[in-house]
Each structure stands twice: as C-alpha cells, then as structure tokens.
Amino acid sequence: MTDQSAIRSTSVLERIVLDEFATLADSGRTPVQAPTLVGQCRGRLETFDDVVGSRCSEADVVRCCRSLADRGLLTTVELSEKSAVGMGRPAYELAFDPAVLREVVEEDERLQARELDALAP
C-alpha cells in the first residue's frame, strides 16, 4: 500500500498524471502508455499560469511516468505490441488503490480551485 506522503511529495504535473491514471483505472482502461495522457494533462496544466513550465509536452509526461514508476507510484507493464523498429514503449498503471489518490487530490487546494474554475460557465 502506498503511503499518502509519497503522493503528497509529487509535483503538480505528477499529481495530474496520477489523477489521469486513476480516472482510466476506474473505467478499466489501464495499463496505458504515457503519450495517451498528453492531451488530458496538457489541458489541465494550462490552467496553472503560476506554475513554472506550465506547458506539457509528450516528453514531460514520459519523464513524469518514469519518475513515478521509479518511486513505486506507477507499475510498468510491458505490452506485447512492438513499434516498427522493434522497440516497445512501456505502459503504466497505478501501483495503489485510486481511492488513496482521490483523498490527496481532494485535499490539494491548487487542483481543486483550478478544477472548479474550469467547470464554471
């Protein structure tokens, strides 16, 4: 079981990536490769004008997933599909129950304020 302190020590982008994995896990759509998350993460991160590097590239998400996997927050899954050059990109899934992440995200005022602003008409 993942300690909430490990989740709390993540950056804004890392927390957004984890939240996207939790959303996909809730609907049974994991494991996924990092590039799958770029659009959703980019859209959410762009609301953070005050965050250094608030632009999100595919490379940012890939690095983020690798870092989260190194820290035990994501599990790496090798898919059977290989690229045209014989290399495979790893897929990832949460290494813990999404409910643990939801508790931390609900407490994160940075994310809650932005999410509410994005929903406003």
PDB file of N, CA and C in Angstrom:
ATOM      1  N   MET A   1       0.844  -1.185   0.000  1.00  0.00           N
ATOM      2  CA  MET A   1       0.000   0.000   0.000  1.00  0.00           C
ATOM      3  C   MET A   1       0.886   1.244   0.000  1.00  0.00           C
ATOM      4  N   THR A   2       0.517   2.198  -0.820  1.00  0.00           N
ATOM      5  CA  THR A   2       1.282   3.431  -0.948  1.00  0.00           C
ATOM      6  C   THR A   2       0.919   4.397   0.174  1.00  0.00           C
ATOM      7  N   ASP A   3       1.949   4.953   0.762  1.00  0.00           N
ATOM      8  CA  ASP A   3       1.783   5.949   1.808  1.00  0.00           C
ATOM      9  C   ASP A   3       1.354   7.263   1.151  1.00  0.00           C
ATOM     10  N   GLN A   4       0.387   7.952   1.736  1.00  0.00           N
ATOM     11  CA  GLN A   4      -0.076   9.217   1.167  1.00  0.00           C
ATOM     12  C   GLN A   4       1.030  10.251   1.098  1.00  0.00           C
ATOM     13  N   SER A   5       2.032  10.155   1.954  1.00  0.00           N
ATOM     14  CA  SER A   5       3.124  11.132   1.920  1.00  0.00           C
ATOM     15  C   SER A   5       3.896  11.043   0.608  1.00  0.00           C
ATOM     16  N   ALA A   6       3.983   9.856   0.024  1.00  0.00           N
ATOM     17  CA  ALA A   6       4.649   9.711  -1.274  1.00  0.00           C
ATOM     18  C   ALA A   6       3.872  10.457  -2.353  1.00  0.00           C
ATOM     19  N   ILE A   7       2.563  10.425  -2.272  1.00  0.00           N
ATOM     20  CA  ILE A   7       1.728  11.142  -3.239  1.00  0.00           C
ATOM     21  C   ILE A   7       1.814  12.644  -2.981  1.00  0.00           C
ATOM     22  N   ARG A   8       1.803  13.031  -1.729  1.00  0.00           N
ATOM     23  CA  ARG A   8       1.866  14.456  -1.388  1.00  0.00           C
ATOM     24  C   ARG A   8       3.188  15.099  -1.810  1.00  0.00           C
ATOM     25  N   SER A   9       4.229  14.293  -1.973  1.00  0.00           N
ATOM     26  CA  SER A   9       5.534  14.840  -2.365  1.00  0.00           C
ATOM     27  C   SER A   9       5.658  15.036  -3.875  1.00  0.00           C
ATOM     28  N   THR A  10       4.602  14.762  -4.626  1.00  0.00           N
ATOM     29  CA  THR A  10       4.648  14.895  -6.078  1.00  0.00           C
ATOM     30  C   THR A  10       4.429  16.337  -6.517  1.00  0.00           C
ATOM     31  N   SER A  11       4.913  16.642  -7.717  1.00  0.00           N
ATOM     32  CA  SER A  11       4.699  17.965  -8.317  1.00  0.00           C
ATOM     33  C   SER A  11       3.266  18.063  -8.839  1.00  0.00           C
ATOM     34  N   VAL A  12       2.877  19.246  -9.260  1.00  0.00           N
ATOM     35  CA  VAL A  12       1.540  19.438  -9.828  1.00  0.00           C
ATOM     36  C   VAL A  12       1.351  18.532 -11.042  1.00  0.00           C
ATOM     37  N   LEU A  13       2.315  18.514 -11.961  1.00  0.00           N
ATOM     38  CA  LEU A  13       2.184  17.669 -13.148  1.00  0.00           C
ATOM     39  C   LEU A  13       2.106  16.199 -12.758  1.00  0.00           C
ATOM     40  N   GLU A  14       2.933  15.765 -11.838  1.00  0.00           N
ATOM     41  CA  GLU A  14       2.896  14.361 -11.417  1.00  0.00           C
ATOM     42  C   GLU A  14       1.544  14.006 -10.804  1.00  0.00           C
ATOM     43  N   ARG A  15       0.990  14.913 -10.041  1.00  0.00           N
ATOM     44  CA  ARG A  15      -0.310  14.646  -9.426  1.00  0.00           C
ATOM     45  C   ARG A  15      -1.415  14.596 -10.480  1.00  0.00           C
ATOM     46  N   ILE A  16      -1.315  15.449 -11.485  1.00  0.00           N
ATOM     47  CA  ILE A  16      -2.286  15.417 -12.578  1.00  0.00           C
ATOM     48  C   ILE A  16      -2.168  14.102 -13.340  1.00  0.00           C
ATOM     49  N   VAL A  17      -0.941  13.671 -13.616  1.00  0.00           N
ATOM     50  CA  VAL A  17      -0.727  12.396 -14.314  1.00  0.00           C
ATOM     51  C   VAL A  17      -1.316  11.251 -13.491  1.00  0.00           C
ATOM     52  N   LEU A  18      -1.032  11.225 -12.208  1.00  0.00           N
ATOM     53  CA  LEU A  18      -1.593  10.173 -11.349  1.00  0.00           C
ATOM     54  C   LEU A  18      -3.118  10.207 -11.362  1.00  0.00           C
ATOM     55  N   ASP A  19      -3.687  11.405 -11.338  1.00  0.00           N
ATOM     56  CA  ASP A  19      -5.142  11.529 -11.354  1.00  0.00           C
ATOM     57  C   ASP A  19      -5.725  11.012 -12.665  1.00  0.00           C
ATOM     58  N   GLU A  20      -5.034  11.260 -13.770  1.00  0.00           N
ATOM     59  CA  GLU A  20      -5.494  10.726 -15.059  1.00  0.00           C
ATOM     60  C   GLU A  20      -5.427   9.196 -15.059  1.00  0.00           C
ATOM     61  N   PHE A  21      -4.366   8.633 -14.480  1.00  0.00           N
ATOM     62  CA  PHE A  21      -4.282   7.176 -14.365  1.00  0.00           C
ATOM     63  C   PHE A  21      -5.424   6.636 -13.508  1.00  0.00           C
ATOM     64  N   ALA A  22      -5.764   7.337 -12.433  1.00  0.00           N
ATOM     65  CA  ALA A  22      -6.860   6.902 -11.565  1.00  0.00           C
ATOM     66  C   ALA A  22      -8.182   6.912 -12.317  1.00  0.00           C
ATOM     67  N   THR A  23      -8.407   7.951 -13.112  1.00  0.00           N
ATOM     68  CA  THR A  23      -9.634   8.043 -13.904  1.00  0.00           C
ATOM     69  C   THR A  23      -9.723   6.880 -14.888  1.00  0.00           C
ATOM     70  N   LEU A  24      -8.614   6.594 -15.562  1.00  0.00           N
ATOM     71  CA  LEU A  24      -8.593   5.473 -16.502  1.00  0.00           C
ATOM     72  C   LEU A  24      -8.761   4.138 -15.782  1.00  0.00           C
ATOM     73  N   ALA A  25      -8.150   4.001 -14.612  1.00  0.00           N
ATOM     74  CA  ALA A  25      -8.273   2.760 -13.838  1.00  0.00           C
ATOM     75  C   ALA A  25      -9.719   2.533 -13.403  1.00  0.00           C
ATOM     76  N   ASP A  26     -10.402   3.610 -13.031  1.00  0.00           N
ATOM     77  CA  ASP A  26     -11.801   3.499 -12.608  1.00  0.00           C
ATOM     78  C   ASP A  26     -12.686   2.941 -13.718  1.00  0.00           C
ATOM     79  N   SER A  27     -12.309   3.207 -14.963  1.00  0.00           N
ATOM     80  CA  SER A  27     -13.109   2.713 -16.089  1.00  0.00           C
ATOM     81  C   SER A  27     -12.484   1.482 -16.745  1.00  0.00           C
ATOM     82  N   GLY A  28     -11.480   0.894 -16.089  1.00  0.00           N
ATOM     83  CA  GLY A  28     -10.874  -0.341 -16.584  1.00  0.00           C
ATOM     84  C   GLY A  28     -10.033  -0.171 -17.833  1.00  0.00           C
ATOM     85  N   ARG A  29      -9.474   1.024 -18.041  1.00  0.00           N
ATOM     86  CA  ARG A  29      -8.705   1.276 -19.271  1.00  0.00           C
ATOM     87  C   ARG A  29      -7.203   1.371 -19.041  1.00  0.00           C
ATOM     88  N   THR A  30      -6.688   0.721 -18.028  1.00  0.00           N
ATOM     89  CA  THR A  30      -5.240   0.686 -17.804  1.00  0.00           C
ATOM     90  C   THR A  30      -4.773  -0.751 -17.960  1.00  0.00           C
ATOM     91  N   PRO A  31      -3.533  -0.985 -18.278  1.00  0.00           N
ATOM     92  CA  PRO A  31      -2.424  -0.042 -18.393  1.00  0.00           C
ATOM     93  C   PRO A  31      -2.481   0.758 -19.695  1.00  0.00           C
ATOM     94  N   VAL A  32      -1.859   1.935 -19.674  1.00  0.00           N
ATOM     95  CA  VAL A  32      -1.757   2.788 -20.858  1.00  0.00           C
ATOM     96  C   VAL A  32      -0.341   3.318 -20.980  1.00  0.00           C
ATOM     97  N   GLN A  33       0.002   3.686 -22.204  1.00  0.00           N
ATOM     98  CA  GLN A  33       1.308   4.288 -22.453  1.00  0.00           C
ATOM     99  C   GLN A  33       1.225   5.783 -22.166  1.00  0.00           C
ATOM    100  N   ALA A  34       2.344   6.352 -21.770  1.00  0.00           N
ATOM    101  CA  ALA A  34       2.392   7.757 -21.370  1.00  0.00           C
ATOM    102  C   ALA A  34       1.813   8.716 -22.416  1.00  0.00           C
ATOM    103  N   PRO A  35       2.125   8.560 -23.708  1.00  0.00           N
ATOM    104  CA  PRO A  35       1.596   9.525 -24.684  1.00  0.00           C
ATOM    105  C   PRO A  35       0.071   9.608 -24.719  1.00  0.00           C
ATOM    106  N   THR A  36      -0.612   8.577 -24.267  1.00  0.00           N
ATOM    107  CA  THR A  36      -2.072   8.580 -24.224  1.00  0.00           C
ATOM    108  C   THR A  36      -2.604   9.690 -23.324  1.00  0.00           C
ATOM    109  N   LEU A  37      -1.822  10.090 -22.342  1.00  0.00           N
ATOM    110  CA  LEU A  37      -2.271  11.064 -21.346  1.00  0.00           C
ATOM    111  C   LEU A  37      -1.960  12.510 -21.694  1.00  0.00           C
ATOM    112  N   VAL A  38      -1.177  12.730 -22.732  1.00  0.00           N
ATOM    113  CA  VAL A  38      -0.660  14.075 -23.006  1.00  0.00           C
ATOM    114  C   VAL A  38      -1.773  15.107 -23.161  1.00  0.00           C
ATOM    115  N   GLY A  39      -2.766  14.826 -23.964  1.00  0.00           N
ATOM    116  CA  GLY A  39      -3.837  15.791 -24.207  1.00  0.00           C
ATOM    117  C   GLY A  39      -4.572  16.195 -22.943  1.00  0.00           C
ATOM    118  N   GLN A  40      -4.947  15.206 -22.133  1.00  0.00           N
ATOM    119  CA  GLN A  40      -5.665  15.500 -20.900  1.00  0.00           C
ATOM    120  C   GLN A  40      -4.788  16.280 -19.922  1.00  0.00           C
ATOM    121  N   CYS A  41      -3.540  15.869 -19.791  1.00  0.00           N
ATOM    122  CA  CYS A  41      -2.630  16.557 -18.860  1.00  0.00           C
ATOM    123  C   CYS A  41      -2.347  17.977 -19.321  1.00  0.00           C
ATOM    124  N   ARG A  42      -2.156  18.150 -20.617  1.00  0.00           N
ATOM    125  CA  ARG A  42      -1.874  19.483 -21.159  1.00  0.00           C
ATOM    126  C   ARG A  42      -3.040  20.419 -20.869  1.00  0.00           C
ATOM    127  N   GLY A  43      -4.243  19.954 -21.119  1.00  0.00           N
ATOM    128  CA  GLY A  43      -5.419  20.780 -20.883  1.00  0.00           C
ATOM    129  C   GLY A  43      -5.562  21.205 -19.430  1.00  0.00           C
ATOM    130  N   ARG A  44      -5.293  20.298 -18.525  1.00  0.00           N
ATOM    131  CA  ARG A  44      -5.412  20.621 -17.103  1.00  0.00           C
ATOM    132  C   ARG A  44      -4.270  21.508 -16.632  1.00  0.00           C
ATOM    133  N   LEU A  45      -3.056  21.262 -17.103  1.00  0.00           N
ATOM    134  CA  LEU A  45      -1.900  22.018 -16.631  1.00  0.00           C
ATOM    135  C   LEU A  45      -1.905  23.452 -17.148  1.00  0.00           C
ATOM    136  N   GLU A  46      -2.514  23.695 -18.307  1.00  0.00           N
ATOM    137  CA  GLU A  46      -2.523  25.041 -18.877  1.00  0.00           C
ATOM    138  C   GLU A  46      -3.286  26.035 -18.015  1.00  0.00           C
ATOM    139  N   THR A  47      -4.103  25.563 -17.092  1.00  0.00           N
ATOM    140  CA  THR A  47      -4.816  26.479 -16.197  1.00  0.00           C
ATOM    141  C   THR A  47      -3.906  27.003 -15.092  1.00  0.00           C
ATOM    142  N   PHE A  48      -2.688  26.455 -14.996  1.00  0.00           N
ATOM    143  CA  PHE A  48      -1.747  26.847 -13.946  1.00  0.00           C
ATOM    144  C   PHE A  48      -0.744  27.859 -14.486  1.00  0.00           C
ATOM    145  N   ASP A  49      -1.149  29.110 -14.633  1.00  0.00           N
ATOM    146  CA  ASP A  49      -0.237  30.146 -15.115  1.00  0.00           C
ATOM    147  C   ASP A  49       0.906  30.394 -14.139  1.00  0.00           C
ATOM    148  N   ASP A  50       0.658  30.107 -12.866  1.00  0.00           N
ATOM    149  CA  ASP A  50       1.655  30.387 -11.836  1.00  0.00           C
ATOM    150  C   ASP A  50       2.642  29.242 -11.616  1.00  0.00           C
ATOM    151  N   VAL A  51       2.508  28.152 -12.366  1.00  0.00           N
ATOM    152  CA  VAL A  51       3.418  27.017 -12.224  1.00  0.00           C
ATOM    153  C   VAL A  51       4.503  27.129 -13.280  1.00  0.00           C
ATOM    154  N   VAL A  52       5.753  27.064 -12.844  1.00  0.00           N
ATOM    155  CA  VAL A  52       6.871  27.125 -13.784  1.00  0.00           C
ATOM    156  C   VAL A  52       6.766  25.942 -14.733  1.00  0.00           C
ATOM    157  N   GLY A  53       6.895  26.215 -16.019  1.00  0.00           N
ATOM    158  CA  GLY A  53       6.809  25.143 -17.007  1.00  0.00           C
ATOM    159  C   GLY A  53       5.395  24.612 -17.141  1.00  0.00           C
ATOM    160  N   SER A  54       4.406  25.513 -17.200  1.00  0.00           N
ATOM    161  CA  SER A  54       3.019  25.060 -17.244  1.00  0.00           C
ATOM    162  C   SER A  54       2.585  24.604 -18.630  1.00  0.00           C
ATOM    163  N   ARG A  55       3.530  24.376 -19.497  1.00  0.00           N
ATOM    164  CA  ARG A  55       3.248  23.726 -20.779  1.00  0.00           C
ATOM    165  C   ARG A  55       3.609  22.264 -20.619  1.00  0.00           C
ATOM    166  N   CYS A  56       2.942  21.413 -21.325  1.00  0.00           N
ATOM    167  CA  CYS A  56       3.120  19.977 -21.123  1.00  0.00           C
ATOM    168  C   CYS A  56       3.369  19.300 -22.461  1.00  0.00           C
ATOM    169  N   SER A  57       4.544  18.722 -22.618  1.00  0.00           N
ATOM    170  CA  SER A  57       4.873  18.006 -23.847  1.00  0.00           C
ATOM    171  C   SER A  57       4.782  16.505 -23.603  1.00  0.00           C
ATOM    172  N   GLU A  58       4.832  15.747 -24.674  1.00  0.00           N
ATOM    173  CA  GLU A  58       4.847  14.290 -24.547  1.00  0.00           C
ATOM    174  C   GLU A  58       6.060  13.848 -23.735  1.00  0.00           C
ATOM    175  N   ALA A  59       7.203  14.480 -23.991  1.00  0.00           N
ATOM    176  CA  ALA A  59       8.426  14.133 -23.255  1.00  0.00           C
ATOM    177  C   ALA A  59       8.257  14.393 -21.757  1.00  0.00           C
ATOM    178  N   ASP A  60       7.552  15.472 -21.394  1.00  0.00           N
ATOM    179  CA  ASP A  60       7.305  15.766 -19.977  1.00  0.00           C
ATOM    180  C   ASP A  60       6.507  14.643 -19.316  1.00  0.00           C
ATOM    181  N   VAL A  61       5.476  14.175 -20.010  1.00  0.00           N
ATOM    182  CA  VAL A  61       4.628  13.119 -19.450  1.00  0.00           C
ATOM    183  C   VAL A  61       5.399  11.803 -19.371  1.00  0.00           C
ATOM    184  N   VAL A  62       6.203  11.500 -20.392  1.00  0.00           N
ATOM    185  CA  VAL A  62       7.013  10.274 -20.372  1.00  0.00           C
ATOM    186  C   VAL A  62       7.988  10.312 -19.199  1.00  0.00           C
ATOM    187  N   ARG A  63       8.687  11.438 -19.030  1.00  0.00           N
ATOM    188  CA  ARG A  63       9.620  11.573 -17.897  1.00  0.00           C
ATOM    189  C   ARG A  63       8.891  11.444 -16.564  1.00  0.00           C
ATOM    190  N   CYS A  64       7.742  12.051 -16.496  1.00  0.00           N
ATOM    191  CA  CYS A  64       6.937  12.009 -15.284  1.00  0.00           C
ATOM    192  C   CYS A  64       6.552  10.561 -14.951  1.00  0.00           C
ATOM    193  N   CYS A  65       6.107   9.815 -15.941  1.00  0.00           N
ATOM    194  CA  CYS A  65       5.723   8.417 -15.714  1.00  0.00           C
ATOM    195  C   CYS A  65       6.919   7.586 -15.265  1.00  0.00           C
ATOM    196  N   ARG A  66       8.058   7.806 -15.888  1.00  0.00           N
ATOM    197  CA  ARG A  66       9.267   7.073 -15.475  1.00  0.00           C
ATOM    198  C   ARG A  66       9.621   7.387 -14.029  1.00  0.00           C
ATOM    199  N   SER A  67       9.567   8.656 -13.679  1.00  0.00           N
ATOM    200  CA  SER A  67       9.889   9.069 -12.314  1.00  0.00           C
ATOM    201  C   SER A  67       8.907   8.472 -11.309  1.00  0.00           C
ATOM    202  N   LEU A  68       7.631   8.504 -11.637  1.00  0.00           N
ATOM    203  CA  LEU A  68       6.618   7.942 -10.743  1.00  0.00           C
ATOM    204  C   LEU A  68       6.789   6.431 -10.601  1.00  0.00           C
ATOM    205  N   ALA A  69       7.177   5.770 -11.680  1.00  0.00           N
ATOM    206  CA  ALA A  69       7.434   4.326 -11.619  1.00  0.00           C
ATOM    207  C   ALA A  69       8.663   4.039 -10.765  1.00  0.00           C
ATOM    208  N   ASP A  70       9.698   4.862 -10.913  1.00  0.00           N
ATOM    209  CA  ASP A  70      10.914   4.684 -10.102  1.00  0.00           C
ATOM    210  C   ASP A  70      10.622   4.825  -8.610  1.00  0.00           C
ATOM    211  N   ARG A  71       9.632   5.655  -8.281  1.00  0.00           N
ATOM    212  CA  ARG A  71       9.275   5.878  -6.875  1.00  0.00           C
ATOM    213  C   ARG A  71       8.194   4.924  -6.379  1.00  0.00           C
ATOM    214  N   GLY A  72       7.771   4.000  -7.241  1.00  0.00           N
ATOM    215  CA  GLY A  72       6.801   2.992  -6.829  1.00  0.00           C
ATOM    216  C   GLY A  72       5.351   3.426  -6.873  1.00  0.00           C
ATOM    217  N   LEU A  73       5.061   4.575  -7.492  1.00  0.00           N
ATOM    218  CA  LEU A  73       3.681   5.046  -7.577  1.00  0.00           C
ATOM    219  C   LEU A  73       2.966   4.513  -8.817  1.00  0.00           C
ATOM    220  N   LEU A  74       3.724   4.160  -9.834  1.00  0.00           N
ATOM    221  CA  LEU A  74       3.190   3.506 -11.025  1.00  0.00           C
ATOM    222  C   LEU A  74       3.898   2.171 -11.197  1.00  0.00           C
ATOM    223  N   THR A  75       3.206   1.234 -11.804  1.00  0.00           N
ATOM    224  CA  THR A  75       3.780  -0.060 -12.146  1.00  0.00           C
ATOM    225  C   THR A  75       3.989  -0.091 -13.652  1.00  0.00           C
ATOM    226  N   THR A  76       5.158  -0.556 -14.075  1.00  0.00           N
ATOM    227  CA  THR A  76       5.466  -0.668 -15.501  1.00  0.00           C
ATOM    228  C   THR A  76       4.968  -2.011 -16.019  1.00  0.00           C
ATOM    229  N   VAL A  77       4.299  -1.968 -17.167  1.00  0.00           N
ATOM    230  CA  VAL A  77       3.769  -3.171 -17.793  1.00  0.00           C
ATOM    231  C   VAL A  77       4.274  -3.202 -19.226  1.00  0.00           C
ATOM    232  N   GLU A  78       4.931  -4.272 -19.609  1.00  0.00           N
ATOM    233  CA  GLU A  78       5.388  -4.411 -20.991  1.00  0.00           C
ATOM    234  C   GLU A  78       4.241  -4.959 -21.834  1.00  0.00           C
ATOM    235  N   LEU A  79       3.888  -4.235 -22.868  1.00  0.00           N
ATOM    236  CA  LEU A  79       2.841  -4.687 -23.779  1.00  0.00           C
ATOM    237  C   LEU A  79       3.455  -5.561 -24.858  1.00  0.00           C
ATOM    238  N   SER A  80       2.661  -6.419 -25.421  1.00  0.00           N
ATOM    239  CA  SER A  80       3.183  -7.314 -26.456  1.00  0.00           C
ATOM    240  C   SER A  80       3.395  -6.594 -27.783  1.00  0.00           C
ATOM    241  N   GLU A  81       2.755  -5.447 -27.966  1.00  0.00           N
ATOM    242  CA  GLU A  81       2.907  -4.699 -29.214  1.00  0.00           C
ATOM    243  C   GLU A  81       4.278  -4.043 -29.270  1.00  0.00           C
ATOM    244  N   LYS A  82       4.933  -4.154 -30.396  1.00  0.00           N
ATOM    245  CA  LYS A  82       6.239  -3.524 -30.612  1.00  0.00           C
ATOM    246  C   LYS A  82       6.105  -2.487 -31.719  1.00  0.00           C
ATOM    247  N   SER A  83       6.973  -1.502 -31.687  1.00  0.00           N
ATOM    248  CA  SER A  83       6.974  -0.487 -32.739  1.00  0.00           C
ATOM    249  C   SER A  83       7.607  -1.061 -33.998  1.00  0.00           C
ATOM    250  N   ALA A  84       7.605  -0.272 -35.047  1.00  0.00           N
ATOM    251  CA  ALA A  84       8.165  -0.718 -36.328  1.00  0.00           C
ATOM    252  C   ALA A  84       9.652  -1.033 -36.231  1.00  0.00           C
ATOM    253  N   VAL A  85      10.347  -0.431 -35.282  1.00  0.00           N
ATOM    254  CA  VAL A  85      11.780  -0.690 -35.132  1.00  0.00           C
ATOM    255  C   VAL A  85      12.059  -1.741 -34.058  1.00  0.00           C
ATOM    256  N   GLY A  86      11.009  -2.409 -33.609  1.00  0.00           N
ATOM    257  CA  GLY A  86      11.193  -3.488 -32.654  1.00  0.00           C
ATOM    258  C   GLY A  86      11.281  -3.075 -31.202  1.00  0.00           C
ATOM    259  N   MET A  87      11.067  -1.804 -30.949  1.00  0.00           N
ATOM    260  CA  MET A  87      11.106  -1.310 -29.569  1.00  0.00           C
ATOM    261  C   MET A  87       9.673  -1.195 -29.054  1.00  0.00           C
ATOM    262  N   GLY A  88       9.503  -1.437 -27.826  1.00  0.00           N
ATOM    263  CA  GLY A  88       8.181  -1.284 -27.226  1.00  0.00           C
ATOM    264  C   GLY A  88       8.206  -0.193 -26.182  1.00  0.00           C
ATOM    265  N   ARG A  89       7.177   0.596 -26.154  1.00  0.00           N
ATOM    266  CA  ARG A  89       7.046   1.600 -25.099  1.00  0.00           C
ATOM    267  C   ARG A  89       6.357   0.929 -23.922  1.00  0.00           C
ATOM    268  N   PRO A  90       6.844   1.186 -22.727  1.00  0.00           N
ATOM    269  CA  PRO A  90       6.163   0.585 -21.578  1.00  0.00           C
ATOM    270  C   PRO A  90       4.804   1.237 -21.358  1.00  0.00           C
ATOM    271  N   ALA A  91       3.932   0.483 -20.781  1.00  0.00           N
ATOM    272  CA  ALA A  91       2.646   1.012 -20.343  1.00  0.00           C
ATOM    273  C   ALA A  91       2.701   1.068 -18.821  1.00  0.00           C
ATOM    274  N   TYR A  92       1.825   1.850 -18.255  1.00  0.00           N
ATOM    275  CA  TYR A  92       1.839   2.040 -16.809  1.00  0.00           C
ATOM    276  C   TYR A  92       0.434   1.903 -16.250  1.00  0.00           C
ATOM    277  N   GLU A  93       0.391   1.589 -14.961  1.00  0.00           N
ATOM    278  CA  GLU A  93      -0.859   1.603 -14.215  1.00  0.00           C
ATOM    279  C   GLU A  93      -0.540   1.993 -12.777  1.00  0.00           C
ATOM    280  N   LEU A  94      -1.552   2.456 -12.063  1.00  0.00           N
ATOM    281  CA  LEU A  94      -1.334   2.844 -10.669  1.00  0.00           C
ATOM    282  C   LEU A  94      -0.862   1.640  -9.867  1.00  0.00           C
ATOM    283  N   ALA A  95       0.036   1.886  -8.941  1.00  0.00           N
ATOM    284  CA  ALA A  95       0.557   0.824  -8.083  1.00  0.00           C
ATOM    285  C   ALA A  95      -0.209   0.767  -6.758  1.00  0.00           C
ATOM    286  N   PHE A  96      -1.315   1.493  -6.684  1.00  0.00           N
ATOM    287  CA  PHE A  96      -2.090   1.556  -5.443  1.00  0.00           C
ATOM    288  C   PHE A  96      -3.545   1.827  -5.791  1.00  0.00           C
ATOM    289  N   ASP A  97      -4.389   1.743  -4.815  1.00  0.00           N
ATOM    290  CA  ASP A  97      -5.822   1.959  -4.986  1.00  0.00           C
ATOM    291  C   ASP A  97      -6.087   3.422  -5.359  1.00  0.00           C
ATOM    292  N   PRO A  98      -6.854   3.669  -6.425  1.00  0.00           N
ATOM    293  CA  PRO A  98      -7.157   5.053  -6.815  1.00  0.00           C
ATOM    294  C   PRO A  98      -7.818   5.870  -5.703  1.00  0.00           C
ATOM    295  N   ALA A  99      -8.498   5.228  -4.782  1.00  0.00           N
ATOM    296  CA  ALA A  99      -9.155   5.946  -3.681  1.00  0.00           C
ATOM    297  C   ALA A  99      -8.136   6.681  -2.812  1.00  0.00           C
ATOM    298  N   VAL A 100      -6.939   6.121  -2.676  1.00  0.00           N
ATOM    299  CA  VAL A 100      -5.881   6.779  -1.898  1.00  0.00           C
ATOM    300  C   VAL A 100      -5.511   8.102  -2.560  1.00  0.00           C
ATOM    301  N   LEU A 101      -5.375   8.082  -3.877  1.00  0.00           N
ATOM    302  CA  LEU A 101      -5.041   9.301  -4.616  1.00  0.00           C
ATOM    303  C   LEU A 101      -6.167  10.317  -4.519  1.00  0.00           C
ATOM    304  N   ARG A 102      -7.396   9.857  -4.644  1.00  0.00           N
ATOM    305  CA  ARG A 102      -8.546  10.774  -4.592  1.00  0.00           C
ATOM    306  C   ARG A 102      -8.560  11.567  -3.282  1.00  0.00           C
ATOM    307  N   GLU A 103      -8.218  10.911  -2.182  1.00  0.00           N
ATOM    308  CA  GLU A 103      -8.175  11.607  -0.892  1.00  0.00           C
ATOM    309  C   GLU A 103      -7.162  12.745  -0.928  1.00  0.00           C
ATOM    310  N   VAL A 104      -5.998  12.488  -1.497  1.00  0.00           N
ATOM    311  CA  VAL A 104      -4.947  13.506  -1.560  1.00  0.00           C
ATOM    312  C   VAL A 104      -5.352  14.629  -2.510  1.00  0.00           C
ATOM    313  N   VAL A 105      -5.912  14.280  -3.664  1.00  0.00           N
ATOM    314  CA  VAL A 105      -6.323  15.286  -4.650  1.00  0.00           C
ATOM    315  C   VAL A 105      -7.420  16.177  -4.073  1.00  0.00           C
ATOM    316  N   GLU A 106      -8.346  15.586  -3.328  1.00  0.00           N
ATOM    317  CA  GLU A 106      -9.421  16.377  -2.725  1.00  0.00           C
ATOM    318  C   GLU A 106      -8.892  17.392  -1.719  1.00  0.00           C
ATOM    319  N   GLU A 107      -7.746  17.090  -1.108  1.00  0.00           N
ATOM    320  CA  GLU A 107      -7.140  17.999  -0.135  1.00  0.00           C
ATOM    321  C   GLU A 107      -6.247  19.053  -0.794  1.00  0.00           C
ATOM    322  N   ASP A 108      -5.916  18.864  -2.064  1.00  0.00           N
ATOM    323  CA  ASP A 108      -4.980  19.750  -2.759  1.00  0.00           C
ATOM    324  C   ASP A 108      -5.723  20.982  -3.265  1.00  0.00           C
ATOM    325  N   GLU A 109      -5.568  22.086  -2.556  1.00  0.00           N
ATOM    326  CA  GLU A 109      -6.272  23.315  -2.915  1.00  0.00           C
ATOM    327  C   GLU A 109      -5.878  23.817  -4.296  1.00  0.00           C
ATOM    328  N   ARG A 110      -4.627  23.568  -4.712  1.00  0.00           N
ATOM    329  CA  ARG A 110      -4.181  24.014  -6.038  1.00  0.00           C
ATOM    330  C   ARG A 110      -5.026  23.357  -7.126  1.00  0.00           C
ATOM    331  N   LEU A 111      -5.270  22.065  -6.999  1.00  0.00           N
ATOM    332  CA  LEU A 111      -6.045  21.356  -8.014  1.00  0.00           C
ATOM    333  C   LEU A 111      -7.528  21.660  -7.904  1.00  0.00           C
ATOM    334  N   GLN A 112      -8.059  21.720  -6.716  1.00  0.00           N
ATOM    335  CA  GLN A 112      -9.487  21.947  -6.540  1.00  0.00           C
ATOM    336  C   GLN A 112      -9.923  23.297  -7.087  1.00  0.00           C
ATOM    337  N   ALA A 113      -9.179  24.341  -6.806  1.00  0.00           N
ATOM    338  CA  ALA A 113      -9.533  25.676  -7.298  1.00  0.00           C
ATOM    339  C   ALA A 113      -9.524  25.708  -8.816  1.00  0.00           C
ATOM    340  N   ARG A 114      -8.527  25.106  -9.434  1.00  0.00           N
ATOM    341  CA  ARG A 114      -8.424  25.103 -10.890  1.00  0.00           C
ATOM    342  C   ARG A 114      -9.535  24.274 -11.530  1.00  0.00           C
ATOM    343  N   GLU A 115      -9.853  23.134 -10.920  1.00  0.00           N
ATOM    344  CA  GLU A 115     -10.905  22.280 -11.467  1.00  0.00           C
ATOM    345  C   GLU A 115     -12.249  23.003 -11.427  1.00  0.00           C
ATOM    346  N   LEU A 116     -12.530  23.710 -10.347  1.00  0.00           N
ATOM    347  CA  LEU A 116     -13.784  24.439 -10.245  1.00  0.00           C
ATOM    348  C   LEU A 116     -13.830  25.582 -11.248  1.00  0.00           C
ATOM    349  N   ASP A 117     -12.714  26.291 -11.433  1.00  0.00           N
ATOM    350  CA  ASP A 117     -12.657  27.370 -12.418  1.00  0.00           C
ATOM    351  C   ASP A 117     -12.908  26.836 -13.821  1.00  0.00           C
ATOM    352  N   ALA A 118     -12.379  25.678 -14.124  1.00  0.00           N
ATOM    353  CA  ALA A 118     -12.536  25.094 -15.456  1.00  0.00           C
ATOM    354  C   ALA A 118     -13.984  24.692 -15.718  1.00  0.00           C
ATOM    355  N   LEU A 119     -14.732  24.372 -14.680  1.00  0.00           N
ATOM    356  CA  LEU A 119     -16.126  23.962 -14.836  1.00  0.00           C
ATOM    357  C   LEU A 119     -17.085  25.145 -14.892  1.00  0.00           C
ATOM    358  N   ALA A 120     -16.632  26.315 -14.489  1.00  0.00           N
ATOM    359  CA  ALA A 120     -17.502  27.496 -14.454  1.00  0.00           C
ATOM    360  C   ALA A 120     -17.894  27.918 -15.869  1.00  0.00           C
ATOM    361  N   PRO A 121     -19.140  28.400 -16.047  1.00  0.00           N
ATOM    362  CA  PRO A 121     -19.590  28.829 -17.393  1.00  0.00           C
ATOM    363  C   PRO A 121     -18.938  30.115 -17.837  1.00  0.00           C
TER     364      PRO A 121
END
